[in-house]
Amino acid sequence: MIIQAKSIEKSFGPLKVLKGIDFQVENSEVVSIMGASGAGKSTLLQILGTLSTPDSGFLEIDGTDVLSLRSKELSAFRNSKIGFVFQFHHLLPEFTSLENVMIPAFIAGRSEKDARAAAYSLLTDLGLKDRISHKPSELSGGEQQRVAIARALINNPAILFADEPSGNLDSVTKTDLHNLFFSLREKYGQTIVIVTHDPDLASMCDRTLHMRDGVFVDQ
């Protein structure tokens, strides 16, 4: 079990957003989480990705009790074990595709030679060999998202979290991106947790869980 979350609760002021969530994911599993806006999906994803702390509960990721880690330990754990892909790509506009992908490797303390080789390999694998020296403004939306995925994978994370990853893409590009997630699982054994409103993407996943009012509901 690569993720074990038990009794996760989270409130913002008087609003209780998560009401005792239990959630488990197996290694190399692709799981989607669906639900209406305000159901608690993104809040849960932020907690699973260690970007936010629950008010109570237990969270173990790849054998580590992450809620017991201190701030610096948690940052190092996040950078080495977790990759993120968001609806908006968050690429740095002044850097090329290759440089954007290299940044998390530098944060992890890898050498420039190692980071450059890994970034080049990932971008090539993702069909962007001819776009390596391009800046984000010179890329299509789908290409930008592939660069963001390469950046998320650069440190060989145990888990890839994706929050509405195809929300900004046209239907053809969206289908290509959906297929890409499953090729990542086939090639790298990647575990992926996806928050999505897209039923086509959800239907491709190993499991789909539905949230409503801060809890998972049976379908």
C-alpha atoms as a PDB file:
ATOM      1  CA  MET A   1       0.000   0.000   0.000  1.00  0.00           C
ATOM      2  CA  ILE A   2       1.660   3.226  -1.129  1.00  0.00           C
ATOM      3  CA  ILE A   3      -0.912   5.603   0.408  1.00  0.00           C
ATOM      4  CA  GLN A   4      -2.798   4.978   3.625  1.00  0.00           C
ATOM      5  CA  ALA A   5      -4.973   7.783   4.914  1.00  0.00           C
ATOM      6  CA  LYS A   6      -7.291   7.263   7.876  1.00  0.00           C
ATOM      7  CA  SER A   7      -9.882   9.513   9.507  1.00  0.00           C
ATOM      8  CA  ILE A   8      -8.653  12.658   7.706  1.00  0.00           C
ATOM      9  CA  GLU A   9     -10.530  15.763   8.850  1.00  0.00           C
ATOM     10  CA  LYS A  10     -10.065  19.369   7.786  1.00  0.00           C
ATOM     11  CA  SER A  11     -11.963  22.548   8.593  1.00  0.00           C
ATOM     12  CA  PHE A  12     -11.617  26.135   7.480  1.00  0.00           C
ATOM     13  CA  GLY A  13     -13.112  28.187  10.287  1.00  0.00           C
ATOM     14  CA  PRO A  14     -16.604  26.836  10.968  1.00  0.00           C
ATOM     15  CA  LEU A  15     -16.733  24.993   7.625  1.00  0.00           C
ATOM     16  CA  LYS A  16     -15.827  21.309   7.903  1.00  0.00           C
ATOM     17  CA  VAL A  17     -14.498  20.357   4.464  1.00  0.00           C
ATOM     18  CA  LEU A  18     -13.279  16.786   5.115  1.00  0.00           C
ATOM     19  CA  LYS A  19     -15.247  14.627   7.542  1.00  0.00           C
ATOM     20  CA  GLY A  20     -13.175  11.564   8.359  1.00  0.00           C
ATOM     21  CA  ILE A  21     -11.777  10.375   5.023  1.00  0.00           C
ATOM     22  CA  ASP A  22     -10.246   6.892   4.674  1.00  0.00           C
ATOM     23  CA  PHE A  23      -8.259   6.397   1.459  1.00  0.00           C
ATOM     24  CA  GLN A  24      -5.820   3.744   0.263  1.00  0.00           C
ATOM     25  CA  VAL A  25      -3.907   3.348  -2.993  1.00  0.00           C
ATOM     26  CA  GLU A  26      -1.856   0.364  -4.160  1.00  0.00           C
ATOM     27  CA  ASN A  27       1.494   0.714  -5.893  1.00  0.00           C
ATOM     28  CA  SER A  28       1.143   1.465  -9.661  1.00  0.00           C
ATOM     29  CA  GLU A  29      -2.609   2.018  -9.306  1.00  0.00           C
ATOM     30  CA  VAL A  30      -4.362   4.858 -11.162  1.00  0.00           C
ATOM     31  CA  VAL A  31      -7.231   6.263  -9.083  1.00  0.00           C
ATOM     32  CA  SER A  32      -9.571   9.122  -9.901  1.00  0.00           C
ATOM     33  CA  ILE A  33     -11.582  11.233  -7.466  1.00  0.00           C
ATOM     34  CA  MET A  34     -14.747  12.912  -8.730  1.00  0.00           C
ATOM     35  CA  GLY A  35     -17.360  15.170  -7.212  1.00  0.00           C
ATOM     36  CA  ALA A  36     -19.015  18.559  -7.515  1.00  0.00           C
ATOM     37  CA  SER A  37     -17.121  21.757  -6.769  1.00  0.00           C
ATOM     38  CA  GLY A  38     -16.851  22.196  -3.015  1.00  0.00           C
ATOM     39  CA  ALA A  39     -16.994  18.462  -2.285  1.00  0.00           C
ATOM     40  CA  GLY A  40     -13.489  18.506  -0.798  1.00  0.00           C
ATOM     41  CA  LYS A  41     -11.521  16.884  -3.649  1.00  0.00           C
ATOM     42  CA  SER A  42      -8.765  19.455  -4.002  1.00  0.00           C
ATOM     43  CA  THR A  43      -8.428  19.858  -0.232  1.00  0.00           C
ATOM     44  CA  LEU A  44      -7.916  16.112   0.074  1.00  0.00           C
ATOM     45  CA  LEU A  45      -5.379  16.131  -2.755  1.00  0.00           C
ATOM     46  CA  GLN A  46      -3.422  18.929  -1.090  1.00  0.00           C
ATOM     47  CA  ILE A  47      -3.301  16.937   2.153  1.00  0.00           C
ATOM     48  CA  LEU A  48      -2.286  13.718   0.387  1.00  0.00           C
ATOM     49  CA  GLY A  49       0.407  15.704  -1.420  1.00  0.00           C
ATOM     50  CA  THR A  50       1.645  17.171   1.906  1.00  0.00           C
ATOM     51  CA  LEU A  51       0.883  20.730   0.778  1.00  0.00           C
ATOM     52  CA  SER A  52      -1.667  21.065   3.581  1.00  0.00           C
ATOM     53  CA  THR A  53      -1.983  19.503   7.046  1.00  0.00           C
ATOM     54  CA  PRO A  54      -5.196  17.857   8.279  1.00  0.00           C
ATOM     55  CA  ASP A  55      -6.728  18.837  11.603  1.00  0.00           C
ATOM     56  CA  SER A  56      -6.671  15.165  12.590  1.00  0.00           C
ATOM     57  CA  GLY A  57      -6.052  11.723  11.115  1.00  0.00           C
ATOM     58  CA  PHE A  58      -3.193   9.522   9.925  1.00  0.00           C
ATOM     59  CA  LEU A  59      -1.312   9.666   6.613  1.00  0.00           C
ATOM     60  CA  GLU A  60       1.401   7.279   5.495  1.00  0.00           C
ATOM     61  CA  ILE A  61       3.025   7.625   2.066  1.00  0.00           C
ATOM     62  CA  ASP A  62       5.489   5.049   0.762  1.00  0.00           C
ATOM     63  CA  GLY A  63       6.046   3.773   4.304  1.00  0.00           C
ATOM     64  CA  THR A  64       6.588   7.194   5.916  1.00  0.00           C
ATOM     65  CA  ASP A  65       4.301   8.775   8.523  1.00  0.00           C
ATOM     66  CA  VAL A  66       4.377  12.185   6.848  1.00  0.00           C
ATOM     67  CA  LEU A  67       2.429  14.003   9.566  1.00  0.00           C
ATOM     68  CA  SER A  68       5.292  13.349  11.981  1.00  0.00           C
ATOM     69  CA  LEU A  69       7.904  15.026   9.756  1.00  0.00           C
ATOM     70  CA  ARG A  70       9.334  18.438  10.556  1.00  0.00           C
ATOM     71  CA  SER A  71       9.119  21.220   7.993  1.00  0.00           C
ATOM     72  CA  LYS A  72      12.516  20.677   6.318  1.00  0.00           C
ATOM     73  CA  GLU A  73      12.088  16.889   6.358  1.00  0.00           C
ATOM     74  CA  LEU A  74       8.638  17.246   4.809  1.00  0.00           C
ATOM     75  CA  SER A  75       9.918  19.539   2.042  1.00  0.00           C
ATOM     76  CA  ALA A  76      12.678  17.065   1.179  1.00  0.00           C
ATOM     77  CA  PHE A  77      10.206  14.174   1.246  1.00  0.00           C
ATOM     78  CA  ARG A  78       7.778  16.032  -1.014  1.00  0.00           C
ATOM     79  CA  ASN A  79      10.454  16.915  -3.545  1.00  0.00           C
ATOM     80  CA  SER A  80      11.755  13.344  -3.782  1.00  0.00           C
ATOM     81  CA  LYS A  81       8.567  11.291  -3.440  1.00  0.00           C
ATOM     82  CA  ILE A  82       5.719  13.364  -4.870  1.00  0.00           C
ATOM     83  CA  GLY A  83       5.045  14.919  -8.274  1.00  0.00           C
ATOM     84  CA  PHE A  84       2.271  17.418  -9.012  1.00  0.00           C
ATOM     85  CA  VAL A  85       0.410  18.299 -12.202  1.00  0.00           C
ATOM     86  CA  PHE A  86      -2.166  21.086 -12.054  1.00  0.00           C
ATOM     87  CA  GLN A  87      -4.793  22.456 -14.438  1.00  0.00           C
ATOM     88  CA  PHE A  88      -2.632  25.571 -14.899  1.00  0.00           C
ATOM     89  CA  HIS A  89       0.876  24.545 -15.793  1.00  0.00           C
ATOM     90  CA  HIS A  90       2.812  26.965 -13.549  1.00  0.00           C
ATOM     91  CA  LEU A  91       5.816  26.914 -15.870  1.00  0.00           C
ATOM     92  CA  LEU A  92       8.313  29.734 -15.381  1.00  0.00           C
ATOM     93  CA  PRO A  93       8.001  31.909 -18.517  1.00  0.00           C
ATOM     94  CA  GLU A  94      11.636  33.012 -18.662  1.00  0.00           C
ATOM     95  CA  PHE A  95      12.999  29.448 -18.817  1.00  0.00           C
ATOM     96  CA  THR A  96      13.009  26.885 -21.619  1.00  0.00           C
ATOM     97  CA  SER A  97      11.195  23.557 -21.419  1.00  0.00           C
ATOM     98  CA  LEU A  98      14.428  21.833 -20.451  1.00  0.00           C
ATOM     99  CA  GLU A  99      15.231  24.380 -17.744  1.00  0.00           C
ATOM    100  CA  ASN A 100      11.716  24.200 -16.273  1.00  0.00           C
ATOM    101  CA  VAL A 101      11.989  20.435 -15.971  1.00  0.00           C
ATOM    102  CA  MET A 102      15.444  20.630 -14.384  1.00  0.00           C
ATOM    103  CA  ILE A 103      14.397  22.896 -11.490  1.00  0.00           C
ATOM    104  CA  PRO A 104      13.116  20.201  -9.060  1.00  0.00           C
ATOM    105  CA  ALA A 105      16.282  18.176  -9.712  1.00  0.00           C
ATOM    106  CA  PHE A 106      18.397  21.160  -8.678  1.00  0.00           C
ATOM    107  CA  ILE A 107      16.298  21.550  -5.522  1.00  0.00           C
ATOM    108  CA  ALA A 108      17.023  17.888  -4.771  1.00  0.00           C
ATOM    109  CA  GLY A 109      20.745  18.600  -5.023  1.00  0.00           C
ATOM    110  CA  ARG A 110      21.401  16.763  -8.286  1.00  0.00           C
ATOM    111  CA  SER A 111      24.257  17.915 -10.524  1.00  0.00           C
ATOM    112  CA  GLU A 112      23.577  19.990 -13.619  1.00  0.00           C
ATOM    113  CA  LYS A 113      24.821  17.167 -15.842  1.00  0.00           C
ATOM    114  CA  ASP A 114      22.494  14.635 -14.195  1.00  0.00           C
ATOM    115  CA  ALA A 115      19.511  17.009 -14.170  1.00  0.00           C
ATOM    116  CA  ARG A 116      20.011  17.962 -17.809  1.00  0.00           C
ATOM    117  CA  ALA A 117      20.302  14.337 -18.956  1.00  0.00           C
ATOM    118  CA  ALA A 118      17.196  13.289 -17.003  1.00  0.00           C
ATOM    119  CA  ALA A 119      15.158  16.253 -18.269  1.00  0.00           C
ATOM    120  CA  TYR A 120      16.221  15.624 -21.863  1.00  0.00           C
ATOM    121  CA  SER A 121      15.264  11.954 -21.586  1.00  0.00           C
ATOM    122  CA  LEU A 122      11.836  12.711 -20.114  1.00  0.00           C
ATOM    123  CA  LEU A 123      10.983  15.408 -22.642  1.00  0.00           C
ATOM    124  CA  THR A 124      12.044  13.068 -25.452  1.00  0.00           C
ATOM    125  CA  ASP A 125       9.885  10.274 -24.017  1.00  0.00           C
ATOM    126  CA  LEU A 126       6.942  12.674 -23.871  1.00  0.00           C
ATOM    127  CA  GLY A 127       7.304  13.633 -27.530  1.00  0.00           C
ATOM    128  CA  LEU A 128       8.881  17.048 -26.949  1.00  0.00           C
ATOM    129  CA  LYS A 129      12.408  16.532 -28.267  1.00  0.00           C
ATOM    130  CA  ASP A 130      11.914  19.341 -30.796  1.00  0.00           C
ATOM    131  CA  ARG A 131      10.525  21.681 -28.116  1.00  0.00           C
ATOM    132  CA  ILE A 132      13.326  21.395 -25.559  1.00  0.00           C
ATOM    133  CA  SER A 133      14.715  24.902 -26.182  1.00  0.00           C
ATOM    134  CA  HIS A 134      11.296  26.563 -26.464  1.00  0.00           C
ATOM    135  CA  LYS A 135       9.862  28.794 -23.746  1.00  0.00           C
ATOM    136  CA  PRO A 136       6.278  28.252 -22.490  1.00  0.00           C
ATOM    137  CA  SER A 137       4.863  31.085 -24.637  1.00  0.00           C
ATOM    138  CA  GLU A 138       6.080  29.204 -27.727  1.00  0.00           C
ATOM    139  CA  LEU A 139       4.259  25.983 -26.774  1.00  0.00           C
ATOM    140  CA  SER A 140       0.661  24.851 -27.201  1.00  0.00           C
ATOM    141  CA  GLY A 141      -1.447  24.129 -24.125  1.00  0.00           C
ATOM    142  CA  GLY A 142      -0.946  20.398 -24.539  1.00  0.00           C
ATOM    143  CA  GLU A 143       2.807  20.820 -24.928  1.00  0.00           C
ATOM    144  CA  GLN A 144       2.958  22.986 -21.816  1.00  0.00           C
ATOM    145  CA  GLN A 145       1.127  20.319 -19.853  1.00  0.00           C
ATOM    146  CA  ARG A 146       3.576  17.658 -21.048  1.00  0.00           C
ATOM    147  CA  VAL A 147       6.461  19.827 -19.874  1.00  0.00           C
ATOM    148  CA  ALA A 148       4.695  20.122 -16.507  1.00  0.00           C
ATOM    149  CA  ILE A 149       4.371  16.326 -16.371  1.00  0.00           C
ATOM    150  CA  ALA A 150       8.067  15.886 -17.177  1.00  0.00           C
ATOM    151  CA  ARG A 151       8.885  18.347 -14.386  1.00  0.00           C
ATOM    152  CA  ALA A 152       6.702  16.342 -12.001  1.00  0.00           C
ATOM    153  CA  LEU A 153       8.533  13.127 -12.928  1.00  0.00           C
ATOM    154  CA  ILE A 154      12.133  14.408 -12.861  1.00  0.00           C
ATOM    155  CA  ASN A 155      12.900  13.063  -9.360  1.00  0.00           C
ATOM    156  CA  ASN A 156      11.225   9.706 -10.013  1.00  0.00           C
ATOM    157  CA  PRO A 157       8.412  10.269  -7.499  1.00  0.00           C
ATOM    158  CA  ALA A 158       6.559   7.450  -5.798  1.00  0.00           C
ATOM    159  CA  ILE A 159       3.236   9.151  -6.567  1.00  0.00           C
ATOM    160  CA  LEU A 160       1.972  11.595  -9.173  1.00  0.00           C
ATOM    161  CA  PHE A 161      -0.954  13.786  -8.080  1.00  0.00           C
ATOM    162  CA  ALA A 162      -2.951  15.528 -10.817  1.00  0.00           C
ATOM    163  CA  ASP A 163      -5.612  18.172 -10.157  1.00  0.00           C
ATOM    164  CA  GLU A 164      -7.894  18.684 -13.186  1.00  0.00           C
ATOM    165  CA  PRO A 165      -4.903  18.087 -15.501  1.00  0.00           C
ATOM    166  CA  SER A 166      -6.897  18.303 -18.734  1.00  0.00           C
ATOM    167  CA  GLY A 167      -9.343  20.997 -17.680  1.00  0.00           C
ATOM    168  CA  ASN A 168      -7.906  23.628 -20.028  1.00  0.00           C
ATOM    169  CA  LEU A 169      -7.386  21.467 -23.113  1.00  0.00           C
ATOM    170  CA  ASP A 170      -9.408  20.861 -26.273  1.00  0.00           C
ATOM    171  CA  SER A 171     -10.956  17.427 -26.797  1.00  0.00           C
ATOM    172  CA  VAL A 172      -8.216  15.995 -29.031  1.00  0.00           C
ATOM    173  CA  THR A 173      -5.365  17.211 -26.824  1.00  0.00           C
ATOM    174  CA  LYS A 174      -7.301  16.033 -23.767  1.00  0.00           C
ATOM    175  CA  THR A 175      -7.539  12.492 -25.138  1.00  0.00           C
ATOM    176  CA  ASP A 176      -3.799  12.457 -25.867  1.00  0.00           C
ATOM    177  CA  LEU A 177      -3.068  13.590 -22.315  1.00  0.00           C
ATOM    178  CA  HIS A 178      -5.368  10.974 -20.805  1.00  0.00           C
ATOM    179  CA  ASN A 179      -3.604   8.242 -22.758  1.00  0.00           C
ATOM    180  CA  LEU A 180      -0.262   9.645 -21.632  1.00  0.00           C
ATOM    181  CA  PHE A 181      -1.067   9.058 -17.964  1.00  0.00           C
ATOM    182  CA  PHE A 182      -1.560   5.368 -18.597  1.00  0.00           C
ATOM    183  CA  SER A 183       1.583   5.098 -20.678  1.00  0.00           C
ATOM    184  CA  LEU A 184       3.440   6.536 -17.660  1.00  0.00           C
ATOM    185  CA  ARG A 185       2.069   3.713 -15.562  1.00  0.00           C
ATOM    186  CA  GLU A 186       3.137   1.162 -18.161  1.00  0.00           C
ATOM    187  CA  LYS A 187       6.629   2.597 -18.641  1.00  0.00           C
ATOM    188  CA  TYR A 188       7.535   3.779 -15.140  1.00  0.00           C
ATOM    189  CA  GLY A 189       5.147   1.822 -12.893  1.00  0.00           C
ATOM    190  CA  GLN A 190       3.832   5.215 -11.810  1.00  0.00           C
ATOM    191  CA  THR A 191       1.141   5.489  -9.137  1.00  0.00           C
ATOM    192  CA  ILE A 192      -1.287   8.271 -10.084  1.00  0.00           C
ATOM    193  CA  VAL A 193      -4.118   9.964  -8.173  1.00  0.00           C
ATOM    194  CA  ILE A 194      -6.254  12.276 -10.308  1.00  0.00           C
ATOM    195  CA  VAL A 195      -8.924  14.778  -9.287  1.00  0.00           C
ATOM    196  CA  THR A 196     -11.142  15.308 -12.317  1.00  0.00           C
ATOM    197  CA  HIS A 197     -14.568  16.350 -13.538  1.00  0.00           C
ATOM    198  CA  ASP A 198     -13.967  14.453 -16.787  1.00  0.00           C
ATOM    199  CA  PRO A 199     -15.959  11.180 -16.950  1.00  0.00           C
ATOM    200  CA  ASP A 200     -13.872   9.916 -19.882  1.00  0.00           C
ATOM    201  CA  LEU A 201     -10.671  10.175 -17.863  1.00  0.00           C
ATOM    202  CA  ALA A 202     -12.318   8.683 -14.775  1.00  0.00           C
ATOM    203  CA  SER A 203     -13.607   5.723 -16.777  1.00  0.00           C
ATOM    204  CA  MET A 204     -10.054   4.834 -17.832  1.00  0.00           C
ATOM    205  CA  CYS A 205      -8.805   4.593 -14.241  1.00  0.00           C
ATOM    206  CA  ASP A 206      -8.518   1.442 -12.151  1.00  0.00           C
ATOM    207  CA  ARG A 207     -10.928   2.907  -9.600  1.00  0.00           C
ATOM    208  CA  THR A 208     -13.071   6.012  -9.328  1.00  0.00           C
ATOM    209  CA  LEU A 209     -14.139   7.385  -5.953  1.00  0.00           C
ATOM    210  CA  HIS A 210     -16.897   9.969  -5.621  1.00  0.00           C
ATOM    211  CA  MET A 211     -16.928  12.704  -2.997  1.00  0.00           C
ATOM    212  CA  ARG A 212     -19.883  14.646  -1.673  1.00  0.00           C
ATOM    213  CA  ASP A 213     -19.873  17.039   1.276  1.00  0.00           C
ATOM    214  CA  GLY A 214     -16.475  15.942   2.539  1.00  0.00           C
ATOM    215  CA  VAL A 215     -16.932  12.179   2.427  1.00  0.00           C
ATOM    216  CA  PHE A 216     -16.718   9.389  -0.125  1.00  0.00           C
ATOM    217  CA  VAL A 217     -20.116   8.093  -1.195  1.00  0.00           C
ATOM    218  CA  ASP A 218     -21.134   4.736  -2.662  1.00  0.00           C
ATOM    219  CA  GLN A 219     -22.261   4.770  -6.262  1.00  0.00           C
END
